[in-house]
C-alpha atoms as a PDB file:
ATOM      1  CA  MET A   1       1.373 -17.932  -1.294  1.00  0.00           C
ATOM      2  CA  SER A   2       1.598 -14.289   0.319  1.00  0.00           C
ATOM      3  CA  SER A   3      -1.204 -12.866  -1.829  1.00  0.00           C
ATOM      4  CA  ARG A   4      -3.454 -15.745  -1.440  1.00  0.00           C
ATOM      5  CA  LEU A   5      -3.043 -15.720   2.442  1.00  0.00           C
ATOM      6  CA  ARG A   6      -3.623 -12.052   2.371  1.00  0.00           C
ATOM      7  CA  HIS A   7      -7.031 -12.406   0.588  1.00  0.00           C
ATOM      8  CA  ILE A   8      -8.000 -15.417   2.874  1.00  0.00           C
ATOM      9  CA  ALA A   9      -7.025 -13.186   5.866  1.00  0.00           C
ATOM     10  CA  LYS A  10      -9.791 -10.769   5.208  1.00  0.00           C
ATOM     11  CA  GLN A  11     -12.395 -13.580   6.064  1.00  0.00           C
ATOM     12  CA  SER A  12     -12.009 -14.788   9.685  1.00  0.00           C
ATOM     13  CA  LYS A  13      -9.989 -14.316  12.902  1.00  0.00           C
ATOM     14  CA  SER A  14      -8.252 -17.742  12.308  1.00  0.00           C
ATOM     15  CA  ALA A  15      -7.206 -16.788   8.842  1.00  0.00           C
ATOM     16  CA  ILE A  16      -5.877 -13.472   9.976  1.00  0.00           C
ATOM     17  CA  ILE A  17      -3.799 -15.275  12.582  1.00  0.00           C
ATOM     18  CA  ALA A  18      -2.512 -17.627  10.064  1.00  0.00           C
ATOM     19  CA  TYR A  19      -1.486 -14.940   7.606  1.00  0.00           C
ATOM     20  CA  ARG A  20       0.186 -12.915  10.438  1.00  0.00           C
ATOM     21  CA  ILE A  21       2.267 -15.886  11.437  1.00  0.00           C
ATOM     22  CA  TYR A  22       3.366 -16.452   7.877  1.00  0.00           C
ATOM     23  CA  GLU A  23       4.144 -12.742   7.275  1.00  0.00           C
ATOM     24  CA  ASN A  24       6.121 -12.584  10.688  1.00  0.00           C
ATOM     25  CA  TRP A  25       8.216 -15.641   9.715  1.00  0.00           C
ATOM     26  CA  SER A  26       8.965 -14.171   6.146  1.00  0.00           C
ATOM     27  CA  THR A  27       9.927 -10.821   7.617  1.00  0.00           C
ATOM     28  CA  LYS A  28      12.314 -12.334  10.122  1.00  0.00           C
ATOM     29  CA  LYS A  29      13.736 -14.647   7.548  1.00  0.00           C
ATOM     30  CA  ARG A  30      14.433 -11.761   5.181  1.00  0.00           C
ATOM     31  CA  PHE A  31      15.904  -9.610   7.985  1.00  0.00           C
ATOM     32  CA  GLN A  32      18.209 -12.453   9.106  1.00  0.00           C
ATOM     33  CA  SER A  33      19.453 -12.647   5.526  1.00  0.00           C
ATOM     34  CA  GLY A  34      20.563  -8.977   5.579  1.00  0.00           C
ATOM     35  CA  ASN A  35      17.456  -7.511   3.734  1.00  0.00           C
ATOM     36  CA  THR A  36      16.096  -4.901   6.180  1.00  0.00           C
ATOM     37  CA  GLU A  37      13.901  -3.206   3.678  1.00  0.00           C
ATOM     38  CA  SER A  38      10.224  -2.835   4.519  1.00  0.00           C
ATOM     39  CA  ASN A  39       6.998  -0.826   3.984  1.00  0.00           C
ATOM     40  CA  LEU A  40       6.930  -0.206   7.667  1.00  0.00           C
ATOM     41  CA  GLY A  41       7.463   3.585   8.069  1.00  0.00           C
ATOM     42  CA  SER A  42       6.994   4.626   4.350  1.00  0.00           C
ATOM     43  CA  THR A  43       5.033   7.637   5.500  1.00  0.00           C
ATOM     44  CA  HIS A  44       5.452   9.620   2.186  1.00  0.00           C
ATOM     45  CA  LYS A  45       4.341   6.782  -0.040  1.00  0.00           C
ATOM     46  CA  GLY A  46       1.181   7.860  -2.230  1.00  0.00           C
ATOM     47  CA  ARG A  47       0.994  11.210  -0.461  1.00  0.00           C
ATOM     48  CA  PRO A  48       0.731  14.543  -2.259  1.00  0.00           C
ATOM     49  CA  LEU A  49       3.554  16.967  -1.499  1.00  0.00           C
ATOM     50  CA  SER A  50       1.092  19.144   0.694  1.00  0.00           C
ATOM     51  CA  ASP A  51       0.265  16.126   2.938  1.00  0.00           C
ATOM     52  CA  SER A  52       3.852  15.281   3.386  1.00  0.00           C
ATOM     53  CA  LEU A  53       4.686  18.929   4.463  1.00  0.00           C
ATOM     54  CA  ALA A  54       1.622  18.906   6.789  1.00  0.00           C
ATOM     55  CA  TYR A  55       2.612  15.622   8.372  1.00  0.00           C
ATOM     56  CA  ILE A  56       6.154  16.905   8.950  1.00  0.00           C
ATOM     57  CA  ASP A  57       4.862  20.091  10.519  1.00  0.00           C
ATOM     58  CA  THR A  58       2.315  18.201  12.582  1.00  0.00           C
ATOM     59  CA  GLN A  59       5.074  15.815  14.172  1.00  0.00           C
ATOM     60  CA  PHE A  60       7.243  18.951  14.896  1.00  0.00           C
ATOM     61  CA  ASN A  61       4.667  21.066  16.309  1.00  0.00           C
ATOM     62  CA  ASP A  62       3.413  18.302  18.554  1.00  0.00           C
ATOM     63  CA  TYR A  63       6.843  17.661  20.069  1.00  0.00           C
ATOM     64  CA  LEU A  64       7.305  21.432  20.892  1.00  0.00           C
ATOM     65  CA  ALA A  65       3.605  21.744  22.140  1.00  0.00           C
ATOM     66  CA  TYR A  66       3.558  18.878  24.514  1.00  0.00           C
ATOM     67  CA  TRP A  67       7.188  19.146  25.562  1.00  0.00           C
ATOM     68  CA  GLY A  68       6.244  22.604  26.914  1.00  0.00           C
ATOM     69  CA  LEU A  69       9.386  24.359  26.131  1.00  0.00           C
ATOM     70  CA  PRO A  70       9.973  27.187  23.639  1.00  0.00           C
ATOM     71  CA  GLN A  71      11.695  26.511  20.285  1.00  0.00           C
ATOM     72  CA  ALA A  72      14.600  28.357  21.539  1.00  0.00           C
ATOM     73  CA  ALA A  73      15.338  25.548  23.954  1.00  0.00           C
ATOM     74  CA  LEU A  74      16.440  23.388  20.977  1.00  0.00           C
ATOM     75  CA  HIS A  75      19.522  25.491  20.315  1.00  0.00           C
ATOM     76  CA  GLY A  76      22.539  23.387  20.473  1.00  0.00           C
ATOM     77  CA  LYS A  77      20.735  20.162  21.456  1.00  0.00           C
ATOM     78  CA  ARG A  78      21.509  16.749  20.302  1.00  0.00           C
ATOM     79  CA  ILE A  79      18.368  14.759  19.323  1.00  0.00           C
ATOM     80  CA  LEU A  80      17.745  11.077  18.818  1.00  0.00           C
ATOM     81  CA  GLU A  81      14.808  10.143  16.640  1.00  0.00           C
ATOM     82  CA  VAL A  82      13.726   6.497  16.947  1.00  0.00           C
ATOM     83  CA  GLY A  83      11.740   4.736  14.070  1.00  0.00           C
ATOM     84  CA  PHE A  84      11.978   7.673  11.480  1.00  0.00           C
ATOM     85  CA  GLY A  85      10.980   5.534   8.542  1.00  0.00           C
ATOM     86  CA  ASP A  86      11.560   7.361   5.257  1.00  0.00           C
ATOM     87  CA  ASN A  87      11.173  10.731   6.846  1.00  0.00           C
ATOM     88  CA  ILE A  88      14.057  12.884   7.785  1.00  0.00           C
ATOM     89  CA  GLY A  89      11.771  16.015   7.512  1.00  0.00           C
ATOM     90  CA  VAL A  90      11.249  16.372  11.288  1.00  0.00           C
ATOM     91  CA  ALA A  91      15.057  15.986  11.817  1.00  0.00           C
ATOM     92  CA  LEU A  92      15.586  18.732   9.371  1.00  0.00           C
ATOM     93  CA  LYS A  93      13.101  20.981  11.134  1.00  0.00           C
ATOM     94  CA  PHE A  94      14.929  20.432  14.414  1.00  0.00           C
ATOM     95  CA  ILE A  95      18.203  21.408  12.722  1.00  0.00           C
ATOM     96  CA  ALA A  96      16.648  24.388  11.073  1.00  0.00           C
ATOM     97  CA  ALA A  97      15.246  25.442  14.539  1.00  0.00           C
ATOM     98  CA  GLY A  98      18.898  25.340  16.000  1.00  0.00           C
ATOM     99  CA  ALA A  99      19.518  21.815  17.060  1.00  0.00           C
ATOM    100  CA  ALA A 100      23.200  20.827  16.732  1.00  0.00           C
ATOM    101  CA  HIS A 101      22.598  17.210  15.621  1.00  0.00           C
ATOM    102  CA  VAL A 102      19.798  14.668  15.132  1.00  0.00           C
ATOM    103  CA  SER A 103      20.599  10.919  14.846  1.00  0.00           C
ATOM    104  CA  CYS A 104      17.877   8.982  13.257  1.00  0.00           C
ATOM    105  CA  LEU A 105      17.619   5.251  13.799  1.00  0.00           C
ATOM    106  CA  ASP A 106      15.328   2.502  12.406  1.00  0.00           C
ATOM    107  CA  LYS A 107      15.553  -1.199  12.529  1.00  0.00           C
ATOM    108  CA  PHE A 108      13.976  -1.387   9.180  1.00  0.00           C
ATOM    109  CA  TYR A 109      14.916   0.536   5.857  1.00  0.00           C
ATOM    110  CA  ALA A 110      11.532   1.944   4.603  1.00  0.00           C
ATOM    111  CA  ARG A 111      11.055   1.775   1.047  1.00  0.00           C
ATOM    112  CA  ARG A 112      11.115   5.318  -0.629  1.00  0.00           C
ATOM    113  CA  ASP A 113      11.246   7.501  -3.697  1.00  0.00           C
ATOM    114  CA  ASP A 114      14.497   9.460  -3.653  1.00  0.00           C
ATOM    115  CA  GLU A 115      13.168  12.114  -6.049  1.00  0.00           C
ATOM    116  CA  GLN A 116       9.864  12.536  -4.025  1.00  0.00           C
ATOM    117  CA  GLU A 117      12.008  12.964  -1.052  1.00  0.00           C
ATOM    118  CA  ARG A 118      14.036  15.723  -2.708  1.00  0.00           C
ATOM    119  CA  GLN A 119      10.967  17.473  -3.609  1.00  0.00           C
ATOM    120  CA  ILE A 120       9.500  17.297  -0.129  1.00  0.00           C
ATOM    121  CA  TYR A 121      12.663  18.758   1.444  1.00  0.00           C
ATOM    122  CA  ALA A 122      13.062  21.288  -1.159  1.00  0.00           C
ATOM    123  CA  ALA A 123       9.641  22.449  -0.449  1.00  0.00           C
ATOM    124  CA  LEU A 124      10.154  22.180   3.134  1.00  0.00           C
ATOM    125  CA  ARG A 125      13.124  24.572   2.922  1.00  0.00           C
ATOM    126  CA  GLU A 126      10.819  27.201   1.247  1.00  0.00           C
ATOM    127  CA  THR A 127       8.687  27.476   4.383  1.00  0.00           C
ATOM    128  CA  LEU A 128      11.690  28.610   6.531  1.00  0.00           C
ATOM    129  CA  ASP A 129      12.959  32.041   7.276  1.00  0.00           C
ATOM    130  CA  GLU A 130      16.580  32.965   6.146  1.00  0.00           C
ATOM    131  CA  ALA A 131      18.334  32.072   9.196  1.00  0.00           C
ATOM    132  CA  SER A 132      16.471  28.710   9.329  1.00  0.00           C
ATOM    133  CA  LYS A 133      17.421  28.086   5.736  1.00  0.00           C
ATOM    134  CA  LYS A 134      20.991  28.559   6.454  1.00  0.00           C
ATOM    135  CA  ARG A 135      21.140  25.891   9.215  1.00  0.00           C
ATOM    136  CA  PHE A 136      18.880  23.713   7.024  1.00  0.00           C
ATOM    137  CA  ASP A 137      21.476  23.832   4.148  1.00  0.00           C
ATOM    138  CA  GLU A 138      24.162  22.836   6.558  1.00  0.00           C
ATOM    139  CA  ALA A 139      22.264  19.416   6.895  1.00  0.00           C
ATOM    140  CA  ILE A 140      21.158  18.806   3.264  1.00  0.00           C
ATOM    141  CA  ASP A 141      21.339  20.207  -0.261  1.00  0.00           C
ATOM    142  CA  SER A 142      17.802  19.426  -1.467  1.00  0.00           C
ATOM    143  CA  LYS A 143      18.753  20.715  -4.980  1.00  0.00           C
ATOM    144  CA  VAL A 144      21.046  17.682  -5.449  1.00  0.00           C
ATOM    145  CA  GLY A 145      19.226  14.891  -3.520  1.00  0.00           C
ATOM    146  CA  ALA A 146      17.766  13.547  -0.372  1.00  0.00           C
ATOM    147  CA  ARG A 147      21.036  12.530   1.393  1.00  0.00           C
ATOM    148  CA  ALA A 148      21.857  14.390   4.541  1.00  0.00           C
ATOM    149  CA  ASN A 149      25.178  15.564   6.028  1.00  0.00           C
ATOM    150  CA  PRO A 150      25.861  13.010   8.734  1.00  0.00           C
ATOM    151  CA  GLU A 151      27.563  15.642  10.796  1.00  0.00           C
ATOM    152  CA  LYS A 152      24.147  17.228  11.121  1.00  0.00           C
ATOM    153  CA  VAL A 153      21.620  14.354  10.350  1.00  0.00           C
ATOM    154  CA  GLN A 154      22.905  10.826  10.773  1.00  0.00           C
ATOM    155  CA  CYS A 155      20.863   7.752   9.680  1.00  0.00           C
ATOM    156  CA  ILE A 156      21.358   4.440  11.115  1.00  0.00           C
ATOM    157  CA  TYR A 157      19.559   1.314  10.006  1.00  0.00           C
ATOM    158  CA  GLY A 158      19.334  -2.370  10.883  1.00  0.00           C
ATOM    159  CA  VAL A 159      19.694  -2.406  14.659  1.00  0.00           C
ATOM    160  CA  ASP A 160      17.546  -1.807  17.710  1.00  0.00           C
ATOM    161  CA  VAL A 161      18.380   1.305  19.842  1.00  0.00           C
ATOM    162  CA  GLU A 162      19.868  -0.579  22.669  1.00  0.00           C
ATOM    163  CA  GLU A 163      22.267  -2.432  20.310  1.00  0.00           C
ATOM    164  CA  SER A 164      23.604   0.418  18.143  1.00  0.00           C
ATOM    165  CA  LYS A 165      27.446   0.674  18.652  1.00  0.00           C
ATOM    166  CA  GLU A 166      27.450   4.006  16.692  1.00  0.00           C
ATOM    167  CA  LEU A 167      24.927   5.615  19.312  1.00  0.00           C
ATOM    168  CA  ALA A 168      26.842   4.010  22.195  1.00  0.00           C
ATOM    169  CA  ASN A 169      30.071   5.677  20.909  1.00  0.00           C
ATOM    170  CA  ALA A 170      28.394   8.988  20.376  1.00  0.00           C
ATOM    171  CA  PRO A 171      28.021  11.998  22.765  1.00  0.00           C
ATOM    172  CA  PRO A 172      24.882  11.781  24.862  1.00  0.00           C
ATOM    173  CA  PHE A 173      21.573  13.095  23.786  1.00  0.00           C
ATOM    174  CA  ASP A 174      19.232  15.884  25.336  1.00  0.00           C
ATOM    175  CA  LEU A 175      16.204  14.726  23.793  1.00  0.00           C
ATOM    176  CA  VAL A 176      14.879  11.385  22.491  1.00  0.00           C
ATOM    177  CA  ILE A 177      11.599  11.217  20.223  1.00  0.00           C
ATOM    178  CA  SER A 178       9.499   8.930  18.346  1.00  0.00           C
ATOM    179  CA  ARG A 179       6.144   8.849  16.718  1.00  0.00           C
ATOM    180  CA  GLY A 180       4.372   5.539  16.012  1.00  0.00           C
ATOM    181  CA  ALA A 181       7.504   3.429  16.684  1.00  0.00           C
ATOM    182  CA  ILE A 182       7.617   2.210  20.172  1.00  0.00           C
ATOM    183  CA  GLN A 183       4.579  -0.070  19.880  1.00  0.00           C
ATOM    184  CA  ASP A 184       6.384  -2.034  17.121  1.00  0.00           C
ATOM    185  CA  ILE A 185       9.048  -3.135  19.613  1.00  0.00           C
ATOM    186  CA  TYR A 186       7.818  -6.414  21.063  1.00  0.00           C
ATOM    187  CA  GLU A 187       9.593  -6.068  24.351  1.00  0.00           C
ATOM    188  CA  PRO A 188      10.052  -2.285  24.813  1.00  0.00           C
ATOM    189  CA  GLU A 189      11.686  -2.187  28.284  1.00  0.00           C
ATOM    190  CA  PRO A 190      15.275  -2.887  26.968  1.00  0.00           C
ATOM    191  CA  ALA A 191      14.713  -0.205  24.249  1.00  0.00           C
ATOM    192  CA  PHE A 192      13.739   2.341  27.069  1.00  0.00           C
ATOM    193  CA  ALA A 193      16.794   1.213  29.055  1.00  0.00           C
ATOM    194  CA  GLY A 194      18.876   1.671  25.989  1.00  0.00           C
ATOM    195  CA  MET A 195      17.387   5.195  25.457  1.00  0.00           C
ATOM    196  CA  ASP A 196      18.067   6.023  28.974  1.00  0.00           C
ATOM    197  CA  ARG A 197      21.742   5.238  28.665  1.00  0.00           C
ATOM    198  CA  LEU A 198      21.922   7.462  25.789  1.00  0.00           C
ATOM    199  CA  LEU A 199      20.142  10.454  27.413  1.00  0.00           C
ATOM    200  CA  VAL A 200      21.860  13.047  29.465  1.00  0.00           C
ATOM    201  CA  PRO A 201      20.693  13.556  33.073  1.00  0.00           C
ATOM    202  CA  GLY A 202      17.826  16.103  32.852  1.00  0.00           C
ATOM    203  CA  GLY A 203      17.182  15.115  29.314  1.00  0.00           C
ATOM    204  CA  TRP A 204      13.744  14.363  27.900  1.00  0.00           C
ATOM    205  CA  MET A 205      11.874  11.614  26.097  1.00  0.00           C
ATOM    206  CA  LEU A 206       8.835  12.398  24.068  1.00  0.00           C
ATOM    207  CA  HIS A 207       7.021   9.350  22.386  1.00  0.00           C
ATOM    208  CA  LYS A 208       3.727   9.133  20.628  1.00  0.00           C
ATOM    209  CA  ILE A 209       2.570   5.528  21.045  1.00  0.00           C
ATOM    210  CA  ASP A 210      -0.109   3.673  19.278  1.00  0.00           C
ATOM    211  CA  LEU A 211      -1.893   1.147  21.569  1.00  0.00           C
ATOM    212  CA  SER A 212      -4.108  -0.242  19.004  1.00  0.00           C
ATOM    213  CA  ASP A 213      -4.188  -3.363  16.900  1.00  0.00           C
ATOM    214  CA  GLN A 214      -3.142  -1.124  13.894  1.00  0.00           C
ATOM    215  CA  GLY A 215      -5.826  -2.503  11.865  1.00  0.00           C
ATOM    216  CA  MET A 216      -4.854  -5.959  12.224  1.00  0.00           C
ATOM    217  CA  PHE A 217      -8.452  -7.113  13.227  1.00  0.00           C
ATOM    218  CA  ARG A 218     -10.629  -3.923  13.263  1.00  0.00           C
ATOM    219  CA  ASN A 219      -9.958  -3.300   9.663  1.00  0.00           C
ATOM    220  CA  HIS A 220     -11.840  -6.551   8.880  1.00  0.00           C
ATOM    221  CA  GLY A 221     -14.779  -5.660  10.948  1.00  0.00           C
ATOM    222  CA  LEU A 222     -13.818  -7.443  14.041  1.00  0.00           C
ATOM    223  CA  ASN A 223     -13.810  -5.917  17.630  1.00  0.00           C
ATOM    224  CA  PRO A 224     -10.587  -3.711  17.892  1.00  0.00           C
ATOM    225  CA  LEU A 225      -9.483  -5.676  20.991  1.00  0.00           C
ATOM    226  CA  THR A 226      -9.577  -8.976  19.307  1.00  0.00           C
ATOM    227  CA  TYR A 227      -5.807  -8.986  19.211  1.00  0.00           C
ATOM    228  CA  LEU A 228      -6.029  -9.318  23.116  1.00  0.00           C
ATOM    229  CA  THR A 229      -7.954 -12.589  22.986  1.00  0.00           C
ATOM    230  CA  ILE A 230      -4.994 -14.462  21.439  1.00  0.00           C
ATOM    231  CA  SER A 231      -2.579 -16.489  23.750  1.00  0.00           C
ATOM    232  CA  GLU A 232       0.822 -15.053  24.393  1.00  0.00           C
ATOM    233  CA  SER A 233       2.689 -17.872  22.692  1.00  0.00           C
ATOM    234  CA  LEU A 234       0.595 -17.636  19.565  1.00  0.00           C
ATOM    235  CA  TYR A 235       0.767 -13.810  19.327  1.00  0.00           C
ATOM    236  CA  ARG A 236       4.544 -14.057  19.664  1.00  0.00           C
ATOM    237  CA  LEU A 237       4.531 -15.964  16.295  1.00  0.00           C
ATOM    238  CA  MET A 238       2.408 -13.330  14.815  1.00  0.00           C
ATOM    239  CA  ALA A 239       4.220 -10.293  15.898  1.00  0.00           C
ATOM    240  CA  LYS A 240       7.813 -10.578  17.412  1.00  0.00           C
ATOM    241  CA  GLY A 241      10.449  -9.457  15.055  1.00  0.00           C
ATOM    242  CA  SER A 242       8.223  -8.006  12.378  1.00  0.00           C
ATOM    243  CA  GLY A 243       7.256  -4.543  13.780  1.00  0.00           C
ATOM    244  CA  ARG A 244       3.612  -5.376  14.751  1.00  0.00           C
ATOM    245  CA  PRO A 245       1.696  -4.190  17.853  1.00  0.00           C
ATOM    246  CA  ASN A 246       3.365  -5.352  21.147  1.00  0.00           C
ATOM    247  CA  ARG A 247       0.119  -5.340  23.137  1.00  0.00           C
ATOM    248  CA  LYS A 248       1.572  -3.110  25.666  1.00  0.00           C
ATOM    249  CA  LEU A 249      -1.085  -0.777  27.127  1.00  0.00           C
ATOM    250  CA  MET A 250      -1.039   2.527  28.985  1.00  0.00           C
ATOM    251  CA  ASN A 251      -0.011   1.112  32.409  1.00  0.00           C
ATOM    252  CA  ASP A 252       2.861  -0.980  30.983  1.00  0.00           C
ATOM    253  CA  TYR A 253       4.518   2.206  29.789  1.00  0.00           C
ATOM    254  CA  ARG A 254       3.793   3.915  33.048  1.00  0.00           C
ATOM    255  CA  ALA A 255       5.513   1.118  34.971  1.00  0.00           C
ATOM    256  CA  ILE A 256       8.593   1.524  32.722  1.00  0.00           C
ATOM    257  CA  LEU A 257       8.881   5.115  33.601  1.00  0.00           C
ATOM    258  CA  THR A 258       8.553   4.242  37.295  1.00  0.00           C
ATOM    259  CA  LYS A 259      11.226   1.564  37.127  1.00  0.00           C
ATOM    260  CA  LEU A 260      13.538   4.165  35.403  1.00  0.00           C
ATOM    261  CA  GLY A 261      12.860   6.762  37.997  1.00  0.00           C
ATOM    262  CA  TYR A 262      11.621   9.348  35.524  1.00  0.00           C
ATOM    263  CA  GLU A 263       9.107  12.071  36.078  1.00  0.00           C
ATOM    264  CA  GLY A 264       6.506  11.978  33.472  1.00  0.00           C
ATOM    265  CA  LYS A 265       3.022  11.758  32.179  1.00  0.00           C
ATOM    266  CA  LEU A 266       1.020   9.997  29.629  1.00  0.00           C
ATOM    267  CA  LEU A 267      -1.515  11.911  27.700  1.00  0.00           C
ATOM    268  CA  ILE A 268      -4.497  10.200  25.875  1.00  0.00           C
ATOM    269  CA  THR A 269      -4.403  10.595  22.206  1.00  0.00           C
ATOM    270  CA  ASP A 270      -7.294   8.178  21.130  1.00  0.00           C
ATOM    271  CA  VAL A 271      -9.679   5.534  22.243  1.00  0.00           C
ATOM    272  CA  ILE A 272     -11.074   2.392  20.552  1.00  0.00           C
ATOM    273  CA  GLY A 273     -14.196   2.709  18.166  1.00  0.00           C
ATOM    274  CA  ARG A 274     -13.739   6.645  17.880  1.00  0.00           C
ATOM    275  CA  LYS A 275     -15.132   7.857  14.584  1.00  0.00           C
ATOM    276  CA  GLY A 276     -13.295  10.566  12.512  1.00  0.00           C
ATOM    277  CA  LYS A 277      -9.579  11.282  11.641  1.00  0.00           C
ATOM    278  CA  GLY A 278      -6.947  12.692  13.921  1.00  0.00           C
ATOM    279  CA  ASP A 279      -6.190  12.658  17.636  1.00  0.00           C
ATOM    280  CA  LEU A 280      -8.049  13.783  20.470  1.00  0.00           C
ATOM    281  CA  GLN A 281      -7.241  17.414  20.855  1.00  0.00           C
ATOM    282  CA  PRO A 282      -5.954  18.645  23.263  1.00  0.00           C
ATOM    283  CA  HIS A 283      -4.393  15.343  24.544  1.00  0.00           C
ATOM    284  CA  LYS A 284      -5.433  14.944  28.222  1.00  0.00           C
ATOM    285  CA  GLU A 285      -4.377  12.743  31.243  1.00  0.00           C
ATOM    286  CA  THR A 286      -7.867  11.501  31.795  1.00  0.00           C
ATOM    287  CA  LEU A 287     -10.902  10.504  29.725  1.00  0.00           C
ATOM    288  CA  ASP A 288     -13.999  12.591  29.495  1.00  0.00           C
ATOM    289  CA  ARG A 289     -16.500  10.131  30.702  1.00  0.00           C
ATOM    290  CA  ASN A 290     -19.255  12.180  29.233  1.00  0.00           C
ATOM    291  CA  ALA A 291     -17.931  12.146  25.694  1.00  0.00           C
ATOM    292  CA  GLU A 292     -19.920  10.188  23.213  1.00  0.00           C
ATOM    293  CA  TYR A 293     -16.912   8.230  21.968  1.00  0.00           C
ATOM    294  CA  VAL A 294     -16.516   6.830  25.459  1.00  0.00           C
ATOM    295  CA  ALA A 295     -19.844   5.202  25.372  1.00  0.00           C
ATOM    296  CA  THR A 296     -18.949   3.497  22.074  1.00  0.00           C
ATOM    297  CA  ALA A 297     -15.653   2.439  23.558  1.00  0.00           C
ATOM    298  CA  GLN A 298     -17.384   0.931  26.642  1.00  0.00           C
ATOM    299  CA  ALA A 299     -19.637  -1.195  24.378  1.00  0.00           C
ATOM    300  CA  LEU A 300     -16.694  -2.574  22.567  1.00  0.00           C
ATOM    301  CA  VAL A 301     -14.994  -3.489  25.969  1.00  0.00           C
ATOM    302  CA  ASP A 302     -18.142  -5.056  27.244  1.00  0.00           C
ATOM    303  CA  GLU A 303     -18.749  -7.193  24.089  1.00  0.00           C
ATOM    304  CA  ILE A 304     -15.222  -8.709  24.036  1.00  0.00           C
ATOM    305  CA  ARG A 305     -14.224  -8.868  27.798  1.00  0.00           C
ATOM    306  CA  PRO A 306     -15.369 -12.580  28.154  1.00  0.00           C
ATOM    307  CA  ARG A 307     -13.001 -13.416  25.508  1.00  0.00           C
ATOM    308  CA  LEU A 308      -9.899 -11.719  26.509  1.00  0.00           C
ATOM    309  CA  ILE A 309      -6.898 -13.700  27.703  1.00  0.00           C
ATOM    310  CA  ARG A 310      -6.377 -13.476  31.613  1.00  0.00           C
ATOM    311  CA  LYS A 311      -3.702 -10.799  31.558  1.00  0.00           C
ATOM    312  CA  PHE A 312      -5.977  -8.437  29.832  1.00  0.00           C
ATOM    313  CA  SER A 313      -9.394  -9.514  31.263  1.00  0.00           C
ATOM    314  CA  GLN A 314      -8.276  -8.198  34.728  1.00  0.00           C
ATOM    315  CA  LEU A 315      -7.578  -4.696  33.486  1.00  0.00           C
ATOM    316  CA  SER A 316     -10.074  -1.761  33.991  1.00  0.00           C
ATOM    317  CA  ASP A 317     -12.473  -0.592  31.240  1.00  0.00           C
ATOM    318  CA  GLU A 318     -10.452   2.614  30.893  1.00  0.00           C
ATOM    319  CA  GLU A 319      -7.175   0.845  30.331  1.00  0.00           C
ATOM    320  CA  LEU A 320      -8.764  -1.211  27.601  1.00  0.00           C
ATOM    321  CA  MET A 321     -10.602   1.795  26.009  1.00  0.00           C
ATOM    322  CA  ILE A 322      -7.327   3.932  25.496  1.00  0.00           C
ATOM    323  CA  SER A 323      -5.715   3.097  22.218  1.00  0.00           C
ATOM    324  CA  GLY A 324      -3.095   5.704  21.940  1.00  0.00           C
ATOM    325  CA  VAL A 325      -0.832   7.939  24.397  1.00  0.00           C
ATOM    326  CA  PHE A 326       1.685  10.657  24.143  1.00  0.00           C
ATOM    327  CA  MET A 327       4.573  10.033  26.596  1.00  0.00           C
ATOM    328  CA  ILE A 328       6.371  13.175  28.190  1.00  0.00           C
ATOM    329  CA  ALA A 329       9.311  11.908  30.440  1.00  0.00           C
ATOM    330  CA  ASN A 330      12.065  13.767  32.217  1.00  0.00           C
ATOM    331  CA  LYS A 331      15.200  12.033  33.344  1.00  0.00           C
ATOM    332  CA  PRO A 332      16.194  13.058  36.853  1.00  0.00           C
ATOM    333  CA  ILE A 333      19.391  15.099  36.958  1.00  0.00           C
ATOM    334  CA  ALA A 334      21.045  12.894  39.516  1.00  0.00           C
ATOM    335  CA  HIS A 335      20.098   9.665  37.552  1.00  0.00           C
ATOM    336  CA  GLY A 336      23.172   7.469  36.837  1.00  0.00           C
ATOM    337  CA  GLN A 337      25.585   9.916  38.512  1.00  0.00           C
END
């Protein structure tokens, strides 16, 4: 049934919707039965070793670059990584750089290859200086396996961030990070409220958020904003509970930060229809209206705007064009005191 629907889903919008409804129902049923295993977050699957190492370094370097603080600022810090999938490499980089502890949380358990992970982390260790290797070795023995010392790197599965008793009973965090995870939370506001409760006053959130359809329709030759033409009730059946795009756009996240009282900014990482791999570099707060990719994005918006449901049809062209952001948010010192 699943493979047949997947084949049919390549043929039309209606078939894609039908398949996603089935997939969502199936995923929730498995999760409710206690099976949280998923391909979501399996970032190392099928990658050569060099690509996995580059992926880990890119994430770590992005966090430091856009946070705007030196690596020395990590010393002694407690960090929470949300939606880490099969990848504790970033957590290990933070530990090697001097962080005291990293908690990694994911609602799903990403399928993985333990021997591949061991090889990745062994190779990652070889890229470090001697002082960093010593801290790294306190977190994991990559010669033996890929299981971390929970005193340094703790992995939590099967719960949302706002519902984790382990995190609620732990000391607060100085930094909360995620990459490609927030967009899979159907209603992200409770998650942000939960992260806020776990964050020390003056702490930071750094989130890279995909605002696109993640290939749901665009990979089948349809307009990348097709997912915004579907009614809320129908889309909920397609996406809620299975880690699919939540259809929250840039201003939705800006409103969440405002409600929490955070100082912050959202940098643009991508726009719809842009050719080539990788993010816009450097990320900026505003679009370059003279860039060629903006004209392509504008044409896509113009083509689909008459078919958008009301909540999206009233948005500006720019809001609809932006398909990815990097959030940098600072919790006020007096917040919650």
